[in-house]
Amino acid sequence: MALISAAEYADKHGKARRTVSQMCKNGGFETAMKIGRNWAIDEDEPYPDRRVKSGEFKNWRKPKNSAP
């Protein structure tokens, strides 16, 4: 388990540094730990995909009882 900084992790995965830091703060990574004022993440941890893929929110603006 080799730890890298949140900035290095963001650059490696093509994400914004601020986004990665906020995900660390909010518990988005399993291996994130704070060392002093900086966050460190395992370099092998994949970037989490939190998109909803179930289709649960598809057409959520349309009323349920509307006539076609």
PDB file of N, CA and C in Angstrom:
ATOM      1  N   MET A   1       0.848  -1.179   0.000  1.00  0.00           N
ATOM      2  CA  MET A   1       0.000   0.000   0.000  1.00  0.00           C
ATOM      3  C   MET A   1       0.891   1.238   0.000  1.00  0.00           C
ATOM      4  N   ALA A   2       1.011   1.872  -1.129  1.00  0.00           N
ATOM      5  CA  ALA A   2       1.791   3.098  -1.246  1.00  0.00           C
ATOM      6  C   ALA A   2       0.833   4.280  -1.237  1.00  0.00           C
ATOM      7  N   LEU A   3       1.067   5.222  -0.348  1.00  0.00           N
ATOM      8  CA  LEU A   3       0.209   6.392  -0.248  1.00  0.00           C
ATOM      9  C   LEU A   3       0.744   7.518  -1.110  1.00  0.00           C
ATOM     10  N   ILE A   4      -0.181   8.209  -1.773  1.00  0.00           N
ATOM     11  CA  ILE A   4       0.167   9.406  -2.535  1.00  0.00           C
ATOM     12  C   ILE A   4      -0.742  10.536  -2.064  1.00  0.00           C
ATOM     13  N   SER A   5      -0.351  11.762  -2.340  1.00  0.00           N
ATOM     14  CA  SER A   5      -1.163  12.904  -1.903  1.00  0.00           C
ATOM     15  C   SER A   5      -2.442  12.988  -2.727  1.00  0.00           C
ATOM     16  N   ALA A   6      -3.401  13.715  -2.209  1.00  0.00           N
ATOM     17  CA  ALA A   6      -4.665  13.890  -2.918  1.00  0.00           C
ATOM     18  C   ALA A   6      -4.442  14.626  -4.239  1.00  0.00           C
ATOM     19  N   ALA A   7      -3.491  15.547  -4.259  1.00  0.00           N
ATOM     20  CA  ALA A   7      -3.190  16.279  -5.492  1.00  0.00           C
ATOM     21  C   ALA A   7      -2.614  15.343  -6.553  1.00  0.00           C
ATOM     22  N   GLU A   8      -1.712  14.457  -6.159  1.00  0.00           N
ATOM     23  CA  GLU A   8      -1.149  13.491  -7.099  1.00  0.00           C
ATOM     24  C   GLU A   8      -2.228  12.531  -7.602  1.00  0.00           C
ATOM     25  N   TYR A   9      -3.115  12.112  -6.708  1.00  0.00           N
ATOM     26  CA  TYR A   9      -4.209  11.215  -7.083  1.00  0.00           C
ATOM     27  C   TYR A   9      -5.118  11.893  -8.101  1.00  0.00           C
ATOM     28  N   ALA A  10      -5.428  13.174  -7.869  1.00  0.00           N
ATOM     29  CA  ALA A  10      -6.285  13.920  -8.789  1.00  0.00           C
ATOM     30  C   ALA A  10      -5.637  14.049 -10.162  1.00  0.00           C
ATOM     31  N   ASP A  11      -4.362  14.352 -10.188  1.00  0.00           N
ATOM     32  CA  ASP A  11      -3.660  14.466 -11.466  1.00  0.00           C
ATOM     33  C   ASP A  11      -3.606  13.125 -12.193  1.00  0.00           C
ATOM     34  N   LYS A  12      -3.424  12.056 -11.450  1.00  0.00           N
ATOM     35  CA  LYS A  12      -3.334  10.716 -12.032  1.00  0.00           C
ATOM     36  C   LYS A  12      -4.652  10.298 -12.685  1.00  0.00           C
ATOM     37  N   HIS A  13      -5.784  10.689 -12.065  1.00  0.00           N
ATOM     38  CA  HIS A  13      -7.097  10.283 -12.557  1.00  0.00           C
ATOM     39  C   HIS A  13      -7.805  11.362 -13.374  1.00  0.00           C
ATOM     40  N   GLY A  14      -7.154  12.501 -13.575  1.00  0.00           N
ATOM     41  CA  GLY A  14      -7.734  13.563 -14.395  1.00  0.00           C
ATOM     42  C   GLY A  14      -8.912  14.250 -13.743  1.00  0.00           C
ATOM     43  N   LYS A  15      -8.886  14.396 -12.440  1.00  0.00           N
ATOM     44  CA  LYS A  15      -9.960  15.045 -11.698  1.00  0.00           C
ATOM     45  C   LYS A  15      -9.441  16.331 -11.072  1.00  0.00           C
ATOM     46  N   ALA A  16     -10.348  17.177 -10.626  1.00  0.00           N
ATOM     47  CA  ALA A  16      -9.958  18.420  -9.957  1.00  0.00           C
ATOM     48  C   ALA A  16      -9.430  18.113  -8.560  1.00  0.00           C
ATOM     49  N   ARG A  17      -8.410  18.834  -8.166  1.00  0.00           N
ATOM     50  CA  ARG A  17      -7.805  18.601  -6.842  1.00  0.00           C
ATOM     51  C   ARG A  17      -8.806  18.877  -5.722  1.00  0.00           C
ATOM     52  N   ARG A  18      -9.590  19.908  -5.893  1.00  0.00           N
ATOM     53  CA  ARG A  18     -10.577  20.262  -4.868  1.00  0.00           C
ATOM     54  C   ARG A  18     -11.641  19.170  -4.727  1.00  0.00           C
ATOM     55  N   THR A  19     -12.048  18.585  -5.819  1.00  0.00           N
ATOM     56  CA  THR A  19     -13.041  17.518  -5.797  1.00  0.00           C
ATOM     57  C   THR A  19     -12.521  16.318  -5.019  1.00  0.00           C
ATOM     58  N   VAL A  20     -11.279  15.943  -5.262  1.00  0.00           N
ATOM     59  CA  VAL A  20     -10.687  14.806  -4.557  1.00  0.00           C
ATOM     60  C   VAL A  20     -10.548  15.115  -3.072  1.00  0.00           C
ATOM     61  N   SER A  21     -10.145  16.322  -2.732  1.00  0.00           N
ATOM     62  CA  SER A  21     -10.010  16.699  -1.325  1.00  0.00           C
ATOM     63  C   SER A  21     -11.354  16.651  -0.607  1.00  0.00           C
ATOM     64  N   GLN A  22     -12.399  17.130  -1.256  1.00  0.00           N
ATOM     65  CA  GLN A  22     -13.723  17.099  -0.639  1.00  0.00           C
ATOM     66  C   GLN A  22     -14.234  15.678  -0.498  1.00  0.00           C
ATOM     67  N   MET A  23     -13.933  14.817  -1.475  1.00  0.00           N
ATOM     68  CA  MET A  23     -14.336  13.420  -1.357  1.00  0.00           C
ATOM     69  C   MET A  23     -13.612  12.747  -0.198  1.00  0.00           C
ATOM     70  N   CYS A  24     -12.355  13.101   0.018  1.00  0.00           N
ATOM     71  CA  CYS A  24     -11.616  12.566   1.170  1.00  0.00           C
ATOM     72  C   CYS A  24     -12.288  13.008   2.466  1.00  0.00           C
ATOM     73  N   LYS A  25     -12.619  14.276   2.538  1.00  0.00           N
ATOM     74  CA  LYS A  25     -13.233  14.841   3.739  1.00  0.00           C
ATOM     75  C   LYS A  25     -14.585  14.196   4.038  1.00  0.00           C
ATOM     76  N   ASN A  26     -15.359  13.892   2.999  1.00  0.00           N
ATOM     77  CA  ASN A  26     -16.702  13.354   3.173  1.00  0.00           C
ATOM     78  C   ASN A  26     -16.755  11.833   3.185  1.00  0.00           C
ATOM     79  N   GLY A  27     -15.603  11.170   3.191  1.00  0.00           N
ATOM     80  CA  GLY A  27     -15.594   9.711   3.284  1.00  0.00           C
ATOM     81  C   GLY A  27     -15.782   9.007   1.962  1.00  0.00           C
ATOM     82  N   GLY A  28     -15.406   9.621   0.866  1.00  0.00           N
ATOM     83  CA  GLY A  28     -15.594   9.034  -0.453  1.00  0.00           C
ATOM     84  C   GLY A  28     -14.579   7.965  -0.809  1.00  0.00           C
ATOM     85  N   PHE A  29     -13.460   7.920  -0.089  1.00  0.00           N
ATOM     86  CA  PHE A  29     -12.424   6.929  -0.345  1.00  0.00           C
ATOM     87  C   PHE A  29     -12.233   6.064   0.893  1.00  0.00           C
ATOM     88  N   GLU A  30     -12.007   4.778   0.683  1.00  0.00           N
ATOM     89  CA  GLU A  30     -11.815   3.864   1.808  1.00  0.00           C
ATOM     90  C   GLU A  30     -10.448   4.042   2.457  1.00  0.00           C
ATOM     91  N   THR A  31      -9.422   4.352   1.675  1.00  0.00           N
ATOM     92  CA  THR A  31      -8.067   4.389   2.202  1.00  0.00           C
ATOM     93  C   THR A  31      -7.566   5.793   2.504  1.00  0.00           C
ATOM     94  N   ALA A  32      -8.404   6.810   2.379  1.00  0.00           N
ATOM     95  CA  ALA A  32      -7.963   8.185   2.612  1.00  0.00           C
ATOM     96  C   ALA A  32      -7.691   8.412   4.094  1.00  0.00           C
ATOM     97  N   MET A  33      -6.559   9.040   4.364  1.00  0.00           N
ATOM     98  CA  MET A  33      -6.229   9.396   5.739  1.00  0.00           C
ATOM     99  C   MET A  33      -5.576  10.766   5.733  1.00  0.00           C
ATOM    100  N   LYS A  34      -5.784  11.484   6.821  1.00  0.00           N
ATOM    101  CA  LYS A  34      -5.241  12.830   6.914  1.00  0.00           C
ATOM    102  C   LYS A  34      -3.908  12.773   7.642  1.00  0.00           C
ATOM    103  N   ILE A  35      -2.903  13.326   7.014  1.00  0.00           N
ATOM    104  CA  ILE A  35      -1.576  13.403   7.614  1.00  0.00           C
ATOM    105  C   ILE A  35      -1.245  14.885   7.733  1.00  0.00           C
ATOM    106  N   GLY A  36      -1.320  15.389   8.947  1.00  0.00           N
ATOM    107  CA  GLY A  36      -1.151  16.827   9.148  1.00  0.00           C
ATOM    108  C   GLY A  36      -2.336  17.564   8.571  1.00  0.00           C
ATOM    109  N   ARG A  37      -2.092  18.411   7.584  1.00  0.00           N
ATOM    110  CA  ARG A  37      -3.193  19.127   6.924  1.00  0.00           C
ATOM    111  C   ARG A  37      -3.488  18.571   5.543  1.00  0.00           C
ATOM    112  N   ASN A  38      -2.767  17.547   5.116  1.00  0.00           N
ATOM    113  CA  ASN A  38      -2.913  16.988   3.771  1.00  0.00           C
ATOM    114  C   ASN A  38      -3.576  15.618   3.811  1.00  0.00           C
ATOM    115  N   TRP A  39      -4.255  15.278   2.738  1.00  0.00           N
ATOM    116  CA  TRP A  39      -4.878  13.972   2.600  1.00  0.00           C
ATOM    117  C   TRP A  39      -3.961  13.053   1.803  1.00  0.00           C
ATOM    118  N   ALA A  40      -3.931  11.789   2.184  1.00  0.00           N
ATOM    119  CA  ALA A  40      -3.166  10.774   1.468  1.00  0.00           C
ATOM    120  C   ALA A  40      -4.109   9.628   1.120  1.00  0.00           C
ATOM    121  N   ILE A  41      -3.941   9.083  -0.080  1.00  0.00           N
ATOM    122  CA  ILE A  41      -4.806   8.017  -0.584  1.00  0.00           C
ATOM    123  C   ILE A  41      -3.913   6.929  -1.155  1.00  0.00           C
ATOM    124  N   ASP A  42      -4.354   5.680  -1.024  1.00  0.00           N
ATOM    125  CA  ASP A  42      -3.637   4.575  -1.641  1.00  0.00           C
ATOM    126  C   ASP A  42      -3.656   4.762  -3.151  1.00  0.00           C
ATOM    127  N   GLU A  43      -2.496   4.603  -3.785  1.00  0.00           N
ATOM    128  CA  GLU A  43      -2.419   4.865  -5.223  1.00  0.00           C
ATOM    129  C   GLU A  43      -3.178   3.852  -6.061  1.00  0.00           C
ATOM    130  N   ASP A  44      -3.499   2.687  -5.512  1.00  0.00           N
ATOM    131  CA  ASP A  44      -4.205   1.651  -6.268  1.00  0.00           C
ATOM    132  C   ASP A  44      -5.723   1.717  -6.105  1.00  0.00           C
ATOM    133  N   GLU A  45      -6.230   2.623  -5.276  1.00  0.00           N
ATOM    134  CA  GLU A  45      -7.682   2.713  -5.080  1.00  0.00           C
ATOM    135  C   GLU A  45      -8.338   3.323  -6.315  1.00  0.00           C
ATOM    136  N   PRO A  46      -9.361   2.655  -6.845  1.00  0.00           N
ATOM    137  CA  PRO A  46     -10.029   3.208  -8.033  1.00  0.00           C
ATOM    138  C   PRO A  46     -10.876   4.427  -7.676  1.00  0.00           C
ATOM    139  N   TYR A  47     -11.070   5.305  -8.654  1.00  0.00           N
ATOM    140  CA  TYR A  47     -11.925   6.469  -8.436  1.00  0.00           C
ATOM    141  C   TYR A  47     -13.368   5.989  -8.386  1.00  0.00           C
ATOM    142  N   PRO A  48     -14.117   6.320  -7.332  1.00  0.00           N
ATOM    143  CA  PRO A  48     -15.488   5.805  -7.207  1.00  0.00           C
ATOM    144  C   PRO A  48     -16.444   6.423  -8.228  1.00  0.00           C
ATOM    145  N   ASP A  49     -17.313   5.593  -8.769  1.00  0.00           N
ATOM    146  CA  ASP A  49     -18.316   6.025  -9.729  1.00  0.00           C
ATOM    147  C   ASP A  49     -19.656   6.036  -9.009  1.00  0.00           C
ATOM    148  N   ARG A  50     -20.153   7.203  -8.693  1.00  0.00           N
ATOM    149  CA  ARG A  50     -21.374   7.319  -7.891  1.00  0.00           C
ATOM    150  C   ARG A  50     -22.605   7.639  -8.718  1.00  0.00           C
ATOM    151  N   ARG A  51     -22.506   7.439 -10.019  1.00  0.00           N
ATOM    152  CA  ARG A  51     -23.671   7.720 -10.847  1.00  0.00           C
ATOM    153  C   ARG A  51     -24.754   6.689 -10.603  1.00  0.00           C
ATOM    154  N   VAL A  52     -26.013   7.115 -10.670  1.00  0.00           N
ATOM    155  CA  VAL A  52     -27.142   6.209 -10.530  1.00  0.00           C
ATOM    156  C   VAL A  52     -27.399   5.589 -11.890  1.00  0.00           C
ATOM    157  N   LYS A  53     -27.218   4.281 -11.996  1.00  0.00           N
ATOM    158  CA  LYS A  53     -27.354   3.592 -13.271  1.00  0.00           C
ATOM    159  C   LYS A  53     -28.590   2.701 -13.324  1.00  0.00           C
ATOM    160  N   SER A  54     -29.408   2.730 -12.282  1.00  0.00           N
ATOM    161  CA  SER A  54     -30.572   1.855 -12.225  1.00  0.00           C
ATOM    162  C   SER A  54     -31.756   2.381 -13.035  1.00  0.00           C
ATOM    163  N   GLY A  55     -31.705   3.641 -13.438  1.00  0.00           N
ATOM    164  CA  GLY A  55     -32.824   4.229 -14.155  1.00  0.00           C
ATOM    165  C   GLY A  55     -33.909   4.729 -13.219  1.00  0.00           C
ATOM    166  N   GLU A  56     -33.612   4.751 -11.929  1.00  0.00           N
ATOM    167  CA  GLU A  56     -34.597   5.143 -10.923  1.00  0.00           C
ATOM    168  C   GLU A  56     -35.107   6.571 -11.130  1.00  0.00           C
ATOM    169  N   PHE A  57     -34.256   7.465 -11.609  1.00  0.00           N
ATOM    170  CA  PHE A  57     -34.645   8.858 -11.754  1.00  0.00           C
ATOM    171  C   PHE A  57     -34.970   9.233 -13.194  1.00  0.00           C
ATOM    172  N   LYS A  58     -35.161   8.276 -14.047  1.00  0.00           N
ATOM    173  CA  LYS A  58     -35.491   8.542 -15.439  1.00  0.00           C
ATOM    174  C   LYS A  58     -36.888   9.159 -15.516  1.00  0.00           C
ATOM    175  N   ASN A  59     -37.016  10.251 -16.255  1.00  0.00           N
ATOM    176  CA  ASN A  59     -38.288  10.979 -16.429  1.00  0.00           C
ATOM    177  C   ASN A  59     -38.907  11.417 -15.104  1.00  0.00           C
ATOM    178  N   TRP A  60     -38.092  11.830 -14.171  1.00  0.00           N
ATOM    179  CA  TRP A  60     -38.604  12.195 -12.849  1.00  0.00           C
ATOM    180  C   TRP A  60     -39.404  13.491 -12.871  1.00  0.00           C
ATOM    181  N   ARG A  61     -39.282  14.299 -13.914  1.00  0.00           N
ATOM    182  CA  ARG A  61     -40.049  15.544 -13.980  1.00  0.00           C
ATOM    183  C   ARG A  61     -41.467  15.325 -14.500  1.00  0.00           C
ATOM    184  N   LYS A  62     -41.688  14.230 -15.179  1.00  0.00           N
ATOM    185  CA  LYS A  62     -43.019  13.985 -15.727  1.00  0.00           C
ATOM    186  C   LYS A  62     -43.964  13.523 -14.635  1.00  0.00           C
ATOM    187  N   PRO A  63     -45.174  14.059 -14.620  1.00  0.00           N
ATOM    188  CA  PRO A  63     -46.155  13.606 -13.634  1.00  0.00           C
ATOM    189  C   PRO A  63     -46.520  12.139 -13.885  1.00  0.00           C
ATOM    190  N   LYS A  64     -46.799  11.432 -12.836  1.00  0.00           N
ATOM    191  CA  LYS A  64     -47.089   9.989 -12.941  1.00  0.00           C
ATOM    192  C   LYS A  64     -48.444   9.732 -13.618  1.00  0.00           C
ATOM    193  N   ASN A  65     -49.422  10.604 -13.404  1.00  0.00           N
ATOM    194  CA  ASN A  65     -50.774  10.366 -13.906  1.00  0.00           C
ATOM    195  C   ASN A  65     -51.118  11.220 -15.112  1.00  0.00           C
ATOM    196  N   SER A  66     -50.139  11.541 -15.942  1.00  0.00           N
ATOM    197  CA  SER A  66     -50.430  12.378 -17.108  1.00  0.00           C
ATOM    198  C   SER A  66     -50.913  11.509 -18.283  1.00  0.00           C
ATOM    199  N   ALA A  67     -51.790  12.089 -19.064  1.00  0.00           N
ATOM    200  CA  ALA A  67     -52.299  11.384 -20.249  1.00  0.00           C
ATOM    201  C   ALA A  67     -51.316  11.558 -21.378  1.00  0.00           C
ATOM    202  N   PRO A  68     -51.095  10.547 -22.205  1.00  0.00           N
ATOM    203  CA  PRO A  68     -50.151  10.656 -23.312  1.00  0.00           C
ATOM    204  C   PRO A  68     -50.569  11.552 -24.424  1.00  0.00           C
TER     205      PRO A  68
END
